[in-house]
Amino acid sequence: MRLVCFPPPQLSSNAFSLFFTLFQRVILSPAMEIDIQFMQEALGEARAAAAGGEVPIGAVLVHDGKILARSGNRTIRDNDPTAHAEMVVLREAARLLGNYRLADTTLYVTIEPCSMCAGAIIQARVPRLVYGADDPKGGAVRSCFEILSNPRLNHQVEVTAGILAAACAAIL
């Protein structure tokens, strides 16, 4: 797992913009730039969820470099305890692809998935997860449990943690 924290909390937004521009030119790999781009999309979904009175968590599922499905939490709107952002995008993507196995996808989510969502990620055979902030009270990737890397399960997921972590944590 890679751990990255963006933006550094001690920088103002103008200083961060300058820092980030220089940092991109010097250090960021193309893959990390892509991760940041899609995490910003997930943050947009989290903001929309917050505006609708939901818990501000957002997710996007990417296939072939394009967003296949996007959502924020919808548990309150749908009166559905399973309508976490991750679950909503997995359902939508499976419907669009006509297959519950979501090979060649990457799931971007603003917070570490819970045990329910981690189980769904495994069942959907999502090969890669990128998330922003850790969830010390319910995270099932590394904070409370390590479901996605459990060798006893039939599928393990490559995980990149900490992308835009400060921004993802700040919205909660």
N, C-alpha and C. Protein backbone atom coordinates (compact mmCIF):
# COMPACT_ATOMS: atom_id res chain seq x y z
N MET A 1 0.83 -1.18 0.00
CA MET A 1 0.00 0.00 0.00
C MET A 1 0.87 1.24 0.00
N ARG A 2 0.50 2.20 -0.81
CA ARG A 2 1.18 3.49 -0.81
C ARG A 2 0.37 4.44 0.05
N LEU A 3 1.06 5.23 0.84
CA LEU A 3 0.39 6.22 1.67
C LEU A 3 0.82 7.61 1.22
N VAL A 4 -0.15 8.41 0.83
CA VAL A 4 0.13 9.75 0.34
C VAL A 4 -0.87 10.68 0.99
N CYS A 5 -0.44 11.86 1.40
CA CYS A 5 -1.34 12.84 2.00
C CYS A 5 -1.31 14.12 1.19
N PHE A 6 -2.43 14.45 0.56
CA PHE A 6 -2.56 15.69 -0.21
C PHE A 6 -3.79 16.42 0.26
N PRO A 7 -3.82 17.72 0.40
CA PRO A 7 -2.66 18.60 0.45
C PRO A 7 -2.04 18.58 1.83
N PRO A 8 -0.77 18.98 1.94
CA PRO A 8 -0.18 19.10 3.26
C PRO A 8 -0.99 20.10 4.08
N PRO A 9 -1.44 19.74 5.27
CA PRO A 9 -2.38 20.56 6.03
C PRO A 9 -1.87 21.95 6.39
N GLN A 10 -0.57 22.17 6.40
CA GLN A 10 -0.04 23.46 6.83
C GLN A 10 0.00 24.50 5.71
N LEU A 11 -0.38 24.15 4.47
CA LEU A 11 -0.33 25.08 3.36
C LEU A 11 -1.68 25.74 3.09
N SER A 12 -1.65 27.06 2.79
CA SER A 12 -2.88 27.74 2.34
C SER A 12 -3.22 27.22 0.95
N SER A 13 -4.44 27.49 0.48
CA SER A 13 -4.83 26.96 -0.83
C SER A 13 -3.97 27.54 -1.96
N ASN A 14 -3.57 28.82 -1.88
CA ASN A 14 -2.70 29.39 -2.92
C ASN A 14 -1.32 28.76 -2.87
N ALA A 15 -0.79 28.62 -1.67
CA ALA A 15 0.52 27.98 -1.53
C ALA A 15 0.45 26.53 -1.97
N PHE A 16 -0.67 25.87 -1.65
CA PHE A 16 -0.82 24.48 -2.08
C PHE A 16 -0.86 24.37 -3.59
N SER A 17 -1.57 25.29 -4.26
CA SER A 17 -1.66 25.25 -5.72
C SER A 17 -0.26 25.35 -6.34
N LEU A 18 0.55 26.26 -5.84
CA LEU A 18 1.91 26.40 -6.34
C LEU A 18 2.72 25.14 -6.02
N PHE A 19 2.63 24.69 -4.77
CA PHE A 19 3.33 23.47 -4.35
C PHE A 19 2.92 22.29 -5.22
N PHE A 20 1.62 22.14 -5.44
CA PHE A 20 1.10 21.00 -6.19
C PHE A 20 1.58 21.03 -7.64
N THR A 21 1.58 22.22 -8.26
CA THR A 21 2.04 22.34 -9.65
C THR A 21 3.50 21.93 -9.76
N LEU A 22 4.33 22.42 -8.85
CA LEU A 22 5.74 22.05 -8.85
C LEU A 22 5.92 20.58 -8.53
N PHE A 23 5.17 20.09 -7.56
CA PHE A 23 5.26 18.69 -7.14
C PHE A 23 4.90 17.77 -8.30
N GLN A 24 3.85 18.11 -9.04
CA GLN A 24 3.45 17.29 -10.19
C GLN A 24 4.57 17.17 -11.20
N ARG A 25 5.23 18.27 -11.47
CA ARG A 25 6.29 18.27 -12.48
C ARG A 25 7.49 17.45 -12.04
N VAL A 26 7.74 17.41 -10.75
CA VAL A 26 8.95 16.78 -10.25
C VAL A 26 8.73 15.34 -9.80
N ILE A 27 7.66 15.07 -9.07
CA ILE A 27 7.55 13.80 -8.35
C ILE A 27 6.42 12.90 -8.83
N LEU A 28 5.27 13.44 -9.15
CA LEU A 28 4.11 12.59 -9.41
C LEU A 28 4.26 11.73 -10.65
N SER A 29 3.96 10.48 -10.50
CA SER A 29 3.93 9.58 -11.65
C SER A 29 2.63 9.79 -12.41
N PRO A 30 2.58 9.42 -13.67
CA PRO A 30 1.32 9.53 -14.40
C PRO A 30 0.17 8.77 -13.72
N ALA A 31 0.47 7.62 -13.13
CA ALA A 31 -0.58 6.84 -12.44
C ALA A 31 -1.13 7.62 -11.25
N MET A 32 -0.26 8.30 -10.51
CA MET A 32 -0.73 9.06 -9.35
C MET A 32 -1.56 10.26 -9.80
N GLU A 33 -1.17 10.87 -10.91
CA GLU A 33 -1.96 11.98 -11.44
C GLU A 33 -3.37 11.52 -11.78
N ILE A 34 -3.47 10.34 -12.36
CA ILE A 34 -4.79 9.77 -12.69
C ILE A 34 -5.57 9.50 -11.42
N ASP A 35 -4.91 8.93 -10.41
CA ASP A 35 -5.59 8.66 -9.14
C ASP A 35 -6.13 9.95 -8.52
N ILE A 36 -5.36 11.01 -8.57
CA ILE A 36 -5.80 12.29 -8.01
C ILE A 36 -6.99 12.83 -8.80
N GLN A 37 -6.92 12.74 -10.11
CA GLN A 37 -8.02 13.21 -10.95
C GLN A 37 -9.33 12.51 -10.61
N PHE A 38 -9.30 11.18 -10.50
CA PHE A 38 -10.53 10.45 -10.22
C PHE A 38 -10.97 10.61 -8.76
N MET A 39 -10.02 10.80 -7.84
CA MET A 39 -10.41 11.06 -6.45
C MET A 39 -11.11 12.41 -6.35
N GLN A 40 -10.70 13.37 -7.15
CA GLN A 40 -11.40 14.66 -7.16
C GLN A 40 -12.85 14.47 -7.62
N GLU A 41 -13.07 13.57 -8.55
CA GLU A 41 -14.44 13.25 -8.98
C GLU A 41 -15.23 12.63 -7.83
N ALA A 42 -14.60 11.72 -7.10
CA ALA A 42 -15.26 11.10 -5.94
C ALA A 42 -15.58 12.16 -4.88
N LEU A 43 -14.68 13.11 -4.68
CA LEU A 43 -14.94 14.21 -3.74
C LEU A 43 -16.15 15.03 -4.19
N GLY A 44 -16.29 15.23 -5.48
CA GLY A 44 -17.47 15.93 -5.99
C GLY A 44 -18.75 15.19 -5.64
N GLU A 45 -18.73 13.87 -5.73
CA GLU A 45 -19.89 13.06 -5.36
C GLU A 45 -20.15 13.15 -3.86
N ALA A 46 -19.09 13.21 -3.06
CA ALA A 46 -19.25 13.36 -1.60
C ALA A 46 -19.89 14.71 -1.27
N ARG A 47 -19.47 15.75 -1.96
CA ARG A 47 -20.05 17.08 -1.73
C ARG A 47 -21.53 17.09 -2.11
N ALA A 48 -21.87 16.45 -3.21
CA ALA A 48 -23.27 16.37 -3.63
C ALA A 48 -24.09 15.59 -2.61
N ALA A 49 -23.53 14.52 -2.07
CA ALA A 49 -24.22 13.75 -1.03
C ALA A 49 -24.47 14.62 0.19
N ALA A 50 -23.45 15.38 0.60
CA ALA A 50 -23.60 16.27 1.75
C ALA A 50 -24.69 17.30 1.51
N ALA A 51 -24.74 17.85 0.31
CA ALA A 51 -25.76 18.84 -0.03
C ALA A 51 -27.16 18.25 0.04
N GLY A 52 -27.27 16.94 -0.15
CA GLY A 52 -28.55 16.25 -0.06
C GLY A 52 -28.86 15.71 1.32
N GLY A 53 -28.04 16.06 2.31
CA GLY A 53 -28.28 15.62 3.68
C GLY A 53 -27.75 14.23 4.00
N GLU A 54 -26.93 13.69 3.12
CA GLU A 54 -26.36 12.36 3.32
C GLU A 54 -25.00 12.45 4.01
N VAL A 55 -24.50 11.31 4.47
CA VAL A 55 -23.12 11.24 4.94
C VAL A 55 -22.24 11.52 3.72
N PRO A 56 -21.30 12.45 3.82
CA PRO A 56 -20.54 12.89 2.64
C PRO A 56 -19.43 11.94 2.21
N ILE A 57 -19.84 10.87 1.58
CA ILE A 57 -18.90 9.90 1.01
C ILE A 57 -19.24 9.76 -0.46
N GLY A 58 -18.19 9.75 -1.29
CA GLY A 58 -18.40 9.62 -2.73
C GLY A 58 -17.53 8.53 -3.31
N ALA A 59 -17.99 7.99 -4.45
CA ALA A 59 -17.24 6.93 -5.13
C ALA A 59 -17.43 7.05 -6.63
N VAL A 60 -16.40 6.65 -7.36
CA VAL A 60 -16.50 6.49 -8.81
C VAL A 60 -15.81 5.18 -9.18
N LEU A 61 -16.37 4.49 -10.17
CA LEU A 61 -15.76 3.27 -10.68
C LEU A 61 -15.30 3.55 -12.10
N VAL A 62 -14.02 3.28 -12.35
CA VAL A 62 -13.40 3.60 -13.62
C VAL A 62 -13.10 2.32 -14.38
N HIS A 63 -13.43 2.33 -15.67
CA HIS A 63 -13.18 1.20 -16.57
C HIS A 63 -12.62 1.77 -17.87
N ASP A 64 -11.48 1.27 -18.29
CA ASP A 64 -10.83 1.76 -19.52
C ASP A 64 -10.61 3.27 -19.51
N GLY A 65 -10.23 3.80 -18.35
CA GLY A 65 -9.90 5.21 -18.24
C GLY A 65 -11.09 6.16 -18.20
N LYS A 66 -12.30 5.61 -18.14
CA LYS A 66 -13.51 6.44 -18.11
C LYS A 66 -14.37 6.07 -16.91
N ILE A 67 -15.09 7.04 -16.39
CA ILE A 67 -15.98 6.78 -15.27
C ILE A 67 -17.18 6.00 -15.77
N LEU A 68 -17.35 4.81 -15.21
CA LEU A 68 -18.46 3.93 -15.58
C LEU A 68 -19.68 4.21 -14.70
N ALA A 69 -19.43 4.48 -13.41
CA ALA A 69 -20.52 4.75 -12.47
C ALA A 69 -20.00 5.69 -11.40
N ARG A 70 -20.91 6.51 -10.87
CA ARG A 70 -20.55 7.48 -9.82
C ARG A 70 -21.73 7.66 -8.89
N SER A 71 -21.42 7.90 -7.62
CA SER A 71 -22.49 8.16 -6.66
C SER A 71 -21.92 8.64 -5.35
N GLY A 72 -22.78 9.29 -4.59
CA GLY A 72 -22.51 9.56 -3.19
C GLY A 72 -23.36 8.61 -2.37
N ASN A 73 -23.21 8.67 -1.06
CA ASN A 73 -24.08 7.86 -0.20
C ASN A 73 -25.54 8.21 -0.47
N ARG A 74 -26.42 7.20 -0.40
CA ARG A 74 -27.85 7.41 -0.62
C ARG A 74 -28.70 6.68 0.42
N THR A 75 -28.12 6.40 1.58
CA THR A 75 -28.84 5.62 2.59
C THR A 75 -30.09 6.33 3.09
N ILE A 76 -30.00 7.63 3.29
CA ILE A 76 -31.15 8.39 3.80
C ILE A 76 -32.18 8.56 2.69
N ARG A 77 -31.73 8.99 1.52
CA ARG A 77 -32.64 9.21 0.39
C ARG A 77 -33.42 7.94 0.03
N ASP A 78 -32.72 6.81 0.01
CA ASP A 78 -33.33 5.55 -0.42
C ASP A 78 -33.91 4.73 0.73
N ASN A 79 -33.73 5.20 1.98
CA ASN A 79 -34.11 4.40 3.16
C ASN A 79 -33.55 2.99 3.04
N ASP A 80 -32.26 2.93 2.73
CA ASP A 80 -31.59 1.66 2.45
C ASP A 80 -30.23 1.65 3.14
N PRO A 81 -30.06 0.83 4.17
CA PRO A 81 -28.79 0.81 4.88
C PRO A 81 -27.63 0.31 4.03
N THR A 82 -27.91 -0.32 2.89
CA THR A 82 -26.83 -0.80 2.02
C THR A 82 -26.48 0.19 0.91
N ALA A 83 -27.11 1.34 0.87
CA ALA A 83 -26.89 2.29 -0.22
C ALA A 83 -25.67 3.18 0.03
N HIS A 84 -24.57 2.55 0.44
CA HIS A 84 -23.31 3.27 0.54
C HIS A 84 -22.84 3.60 -0.87
N ALA A 85 -22.03 4.63 -1.02
CA ALA A 85 -21.57 5.06 -2.35
C ALA A 85 -20.94 3.91 -3.12
N GLU A 86 -20.12 3.11 -2.45
CA GLU A 86 -19.45 1.99 -3.12
C GLU A 86 -20.46 0.98 -3.65
N MET A 87 -21.45 0.65 -2.84
CA MET A 87 -22.45 -0.34 -3.23
C MET A 87 -23.26 0.16 -4.43
N VAL A 88 -23.61 1.43 -4.40
CA VAL A 88 -24.40 2.01 -5.50
C VAL A 88 -23.63 1.93 -6.81
N VAL A 89 -22.34 2.30 -6.79
CA VAL A 89 -21.58 2.27 -8.05
C VAL A 89 -21.31 0.85 -8.51
N LEU A 90 -21.11 -0.09 -7.59
CA LEU A 90 -20.91 -1.48 -8.00
C LEU A 90 -22.17 -2.03 -8.66
N ARG A 91 -23.32 -1.74 -8.08
CA ARG A 91 -24.59 -2.20 -8.67
C ARG A 91 -24.80 -1.61 -10.06
N GLU A 92 -24.58 -0.31 -10.19
CA GLU A 92 -24.79 0.37 -11.47
C GLU A 92 -23.83 -0.15 -12.53
N ALA A 93 -22.56 -0.32 -12.16
CA ALA A 93 -21.57 -0.82 -13.12
C ALA A 93 -21.89 -2.24 -13.57
N ALA A 94 -22.30 -3.09 -12.65
CA ALA A 94 -22.66 -4.46 -13.01
C ALA A 94 -23.84 -4.46 -13.97
N ARG A 95 -24.80 -3.59 -13.73
CA ARG A 95 -25.95 -3.49 -14.62
C ARG A 95 -25.52 -3.02 -16.01
N LEU A 96 -24.67 -1.99 -16.06
CA LEU A 96 -24.22 -1.45 -17.34
C LEU A 96 -23.38 -2.45 -18.13
N LEU A 97 -22.53 -3.20 -17.43
CA LEU A 97 -21.66 -4.16 -18.11
C LEU A 97 -22.35 -5.50 -18.36
N GLY A 98 -23.47 -5.73 -17.68
CA GLY A 98 -24.15 -7.01 -17.82
C GLY A 98 -23.37 -8.15 -17.19
N ASN A 99 -22.61 -7.83 -16.14
CA ASN A 99 -21.78 -8.83 -15.49
C ASN A 99 -21.46 -8.34 -14.08
N TYR A 100 -21.65 -9.20 -13.08
CA TYR A 100 -21.33 -8.79 -11.72
C TYR A 100 -19.83 -8.77 -11.47
N ARG A 101 -19.06 -9.41 -12.32
CA ARG A 101 -17.60 -9.38 -12.18
C ARG A 101 -17.07 -8.15 -12.90
N LEU A 102 -16.48 -7.29 -12.14
CA LEU A 102 -16.05 -5.99 -12.66
C LEU A 102 -14.54 -5.97 -12.90
N ALA A 103 -14.10 -6.87 -13.78
CA ALA A 103 -12.68 -6.96 -14.12
C ALA A 103 -12.22 -5.66 -14.77
N ASP A 104 -10.94 -5.39 -14.65
CA ASP A 104 -10.33 -4.22 -15.29
C ASP A 104 -10.96 -2.90 -14.85
N THR A 105 -11.33 -2.81 -13.58
CA THR A 105 -11.88 -1.57 -13.04
C THR A 105 -11.04 -1.11 -11.86
N THR A 106 -11.20 0.15 -11.54
CA THR A 106 -10.62 0.72 -10.32
C THR A 106 -11.73 1.48 -9.61
N LEU A 107 -11.88 1.21 -8.33
CA LEU A 107 -12.87 1.91 -7.51
C LEU A 107 -12.16 2.99 -6.71
N TYR A 108 -12.65 4.22 -6.83
CA TYR A 108 -12.15 5.36 -6.07
C TYR A 108 -13.21 5.74 -5.06
N VAL A 109 -12.84 5.83 -3.79
CA VAL A 109 -13.80 6.19 -2.75
C VAL A 109 -13.12 7.11 -1.74
N THR A 110 -13.86 8.05 -1.21
CA THR A 110 -13.27 9.09 -0.37
C THR A 110 -12.85 8.60 1.01
N ILE A 111 -13.41 7.49 1.46
CA ILE A 111 -13.05 6.96 2.78
C ILE A 111 -12.84 5.45 2.67
N GLU A 112 -12.06 4.93 3.56
CA GLU A 112 -11.80 3.49 3.61
C GLU A 112 -13.13 2.73 3.71
N PRO A 113 -13.35 1.78 2.82
CA PRO A 113 -14.62 1.05 2.83
C PRO A 113 -14.86 0.27 4.12
N CYS A 114 -16.15 0.14 4.47
CA CYS A 114 -16.57 -0.65 5.62
C CYS A 114 -16.53 -2.14 5.25
N SER A 115 -16.85 -3.00 6.20
CA SER A 115 -16.81 -4.44 5.94
C SER A 115 -17.83 -4.87 4.88
N MET A 116 -19.02 -4.27 4.88
CA MET A 116 -20.02 -4.61 3.86
C MET A 116 -19.50 -4.27 2.47
N CYS A 117 -18.97 -3.07 2.32
CA CYS A 117 -18.49 -2.64 1.01
C CYS A 117 -17.24 -3.42 0.59
N ALA A 118 -16.36 -3.71 1.55
CA ALA A 118 -15.18 -4.52 1.23
C ALA A 118 -15.59 -5.90 0.73
N GLY A 119 -16.60 -6.49 1.36
CA GLY A 119 -17.09 -7.78 0.89
C GLY A 119 -17.65 -7.70 -0.52
N ALA A 120 -18.37 -6.64 -0.81
CA ALA A 120 -18.93 -6.46 -2.16
C ALA A 120 -17.81 -6.24 -3.18
N ILE A 121 -16.77 -5.53 -2.81
CA ILE A 121 -15.63 -5.32 -3.70
C ILE A 121 -14.99 -6.66 -4.07
N ILE A 122 -14.86 -7.52 -3.08
CA ILE A 122 -14.31 -8.86 -3.35
C ILE A 122 -15.25 -9.66 -4.24
N GLN A 123 -16.54 -9.67 -3.92
CA GLN A 123 -17.50 -10.44 -4.71
C GLN A 123 -17.57 -9.95 -6.15
N ALA A 124 -17.38 -8.65 -6.36
CA ALA A 124 -17.40 -8.08 -7.71
C ALA A 124 -16.07 -8.26 -8.43
N ARG A 125 -15.08 -8.77 -7.72
CA ARG A 125 -13.74 -9.01 -8.29
C ARG A 125 -13.09 -7.72 -8.80
N VAL A 126 -13.34 -6.63 -8.09
CA VAL A 126 -12.69 -5.37 -8.44
C VAL A 126 -11.19 -5.55 -8.18
N PRO A 127 -10.34 -5.32 -9.17
CA PRO A 127 -8.92 -5.58 -8.97
C PRO A 127 -8.17 -4.50 -8.19
N ARG A 128 -8.71 -3.26 -8.18
CA ARG A 128 -7.96 -2.17 -7.54
C ARG A 128 -8.90 -1.20 -6.85
N LEU A 129 -8.49 -0.80 -5.65
CA LEU A 129 -9.21 0.19 -4.85
C LEU A 129 -8.26 1.33 -4.53
N VAL A 130 -8.74 2.56 -4.69
CA VAL A 130 -8.01 3.75 -4.28
C VAL A 130 -8.93 4.50 -3.33
N TYR A 131 -8.45 4.78 -2.12
CA TYR A 131 -9.30 5.55 -1.20
C TYR A 131 -8.52 6.68 -0.57
N GLY A 132 -9.27 7.65 -0.05
CA GLY A 132 -8.67 8.84 0.53
C GLY A 132 -8.34 8.69 2.00
N ALA A 133 -9.33 8.92 2.86
CA ALA A 133 -9.10 8.95 4.31
C ALA A 133 -9.31 7.58 4.94
N ASP A 134 -8.51 7.29 5.95
CA ASP A 134 -8.72 6.08 6.76
C ASP A 134 -9.98 6.27 7.60
N ASP A 135 -10.60 5.15 7.96
CA ASP A 135 -11.77 5.17 8.84
C ASP A 135 -11.46 4.35 10.09
N PRO A 136 -10.93 5.00 11.14
CA PRO A 136 -10.51 4.26 12.33
C PRO A 136 -11.65 3.57 13.08
N LYS A 137 -12.90 3.97 12.83
CA LYS A 137 -14.04 3.36 13.53
C LYS A 137 -14.68 2.21 12.77
N GLY A 138 -14.45 2.12 11.47
CA GLY A 138 -15.14 1.07 10.72
C GLY A 138 -14.46 0.61 9.45
N GLY A 139 -13.25 1.09 9.21
CA GLY A 139 -12.55 0.73 7.98
C GLY A 139 -12.18 -0.75 7.94
N ALA A 140 -12.46 -1.37 6.81
CA ALA A 140 -12.22 -2.81 6.68
C ALA A 140 -11.07 -3.13 5.73
N VAL A 141 -10.26 -2.12 5.39
CA VAL A 141 -9.11 -2.36 4.53
C VAL A 141 -7.84 -2.48 5.37
N ARG A 142 -7.72 -1.61 6.39
CA ARG A 142 -6.56 -1.70 7.28
C ARG A 142 -6.79 -1.16 8.67
N SER A 143 -7.80 -0.30 8.87
CA SER A 143 -7.98 0.34 10.17
C SER A 143 -8.53 -0.61 11.23
N CYS A 144 -9.65 -1.26 10.94
CA CYS A 144 -10.25 -2.21 11.89
C CYS A 144 -10.06 -3.66 11.44
N PHE A 145 -10.15 -3.87 10.14
CA PHE A 145 -10.00 -5.21 9.55
C PHE A 145 -9.12 -5.08 8.32
N GLU A 146 -8.67 -6.22 7.81
CA GLU A 146 -7.88 -6.24 6.58
C GLU A 146 -8.50 -7.24 5.61
N ILE A 147 -9.74 -6.99 5.27
CA ILE A 147 -10.51 -7.93 4.46
C ILE A 147 -9.93 -8.08 3.05
N LEU A 148 -9.56 -6.98 2.42
CA LEU A 148 -9.17 -7.03 1.01
C LEU A 148 -7.85 -7.74 0.76
N SER A 149 -7.05 -7.93 1.78
CA SER A 149 -5.77 -8.62 1.61
C SER A 149 -5.74 -9.98 2.28
N ASN A 150 -6.89 -10.46 2.73
CA ASN A 150 -6.95 -11.74 3.43
C ASN A 150 -6.66 -12.88 2.45
N PRO A 151 -5.57 -13.62 2.66
CA PRO A 151 -5.21 -14.68 1.72
C PRO A 151 -6.17 -15.87 1.71
N ARG A 152 -7.03 -15.97 2.72
CA ARG A 152 -8.00 -17.08 2.75
C ARG A 152 -9.18 -16.84 1.81
N LEU A 153 -9.34 -15.61 1.35
CA LEU A 153 -10.45 -15.30 0.45
C LEU A 153 -10.05 -15.56 -0.99
N ASN A 154 -11.05 -15.70 -1.86
CA ASN A 154 -10.80 -16.07 -3.25
C ASN A 154 -10.31 -14.92 -4.12
N HIS A 155 -10.24 -13.72 -3.60
CA HIS A 155 -9.81 -12.56 -4.39
C HIS A 155 -9.15 -11.56 -3.46
N GLN A 156 -8.02 -11.04 -3.87
CA GLN A 156 -7.36 -9.96 -3.14
C GLN A 156 -7.34 -8.73 -4.05
N VAL A 157 -7.33 -7.59 -3.42
CA VAL A 157 -7.45 -6.32 -4.13
C VAL A 157 -6.19 -5.50 -3.92
N GLU A 158 -5.66 -4.93 -4.99
CA GLU A 158 -4.56 -3.98 -4.87
C GLU A 158 -5.13 -2.69 -4.29
N VAL A 159 -4.48 -2.16 -3.26
CA VAL A 159 -5.01 -0.98 -2.57
C VAL A 159 -3.99 0.15 -2.60
N THR A 160 -4.46 1.33 -2.95
CA THR A 160 -3.69 2.56 -2.82
C THR A 160 -4.47 3.44 -1.85
N ALA A 161 -3.86 3.77 -0.73
CA ALA A 161 -4.53 4.54 0.31
C ALA A 161 -3.92 5.94 0.42
N GLY A 162 -4.73 6.88 0.89
CA GLY A 162 -4.22 8.21 1.23
C GLY A 162 -4.23 9.22 0.12
N ILE A 163 -4.87 8.94 -1.01
CA ILE A 163 -4.92 9.92 -2.09
C ILE A 163 -5.90 11.03 -1.70
N LEU A 164 -5.41 12.25 -1.66
CA LEU A 164 -6.18 13.43 -1.21
C LEU A 164 -6.80 13.19 0.17
N ALA A 165 -6.05 12.53 1.03
CA ALA A 165 -6.55 12.14 2.35
C ALA A 165 -7.06 13.32 3.17
N ALA A 166 -6.33 14.42 3.19
CA ALA A 166 -6.75 15.56 4.01
C ALA A 166 -8.06 16.14 3.51
N ALA A 167 -8.22 16.26 2.20
CA ALA A 167 -9.47 16.79 1.63
C ALA A 167 -10.62 15.82 1.90
N CYS A 168 -10.35 14.53 1.78
CA CYS A 168 -11.39 13.53 2.03
C CYS A 168 -11.82 13.52 3.50
N ALA A 169 -10.86 13.66 4.40
CA ALA A 169 -11.19 13.68 5.83
C ALA A 169 -11.91 14.97 6.21
N ALA A 170 -11.52 16.07 5.58
CA ALA A 170 -12.10 17.37 5.93
C ALA A 170 -13.59 17.46 5.61
N ILE A 171 -14.04 16.74 4.62
CA ILE A 171 -15.44 16.81 4.20
C ILE A 171 -16.36 16.04 5.15
N LEU A 172 -15.79 15.12 5.92
CA LEU A 172 -16.62 14.30 6.82
C LEU A 172 -17.13 15.09 8.01
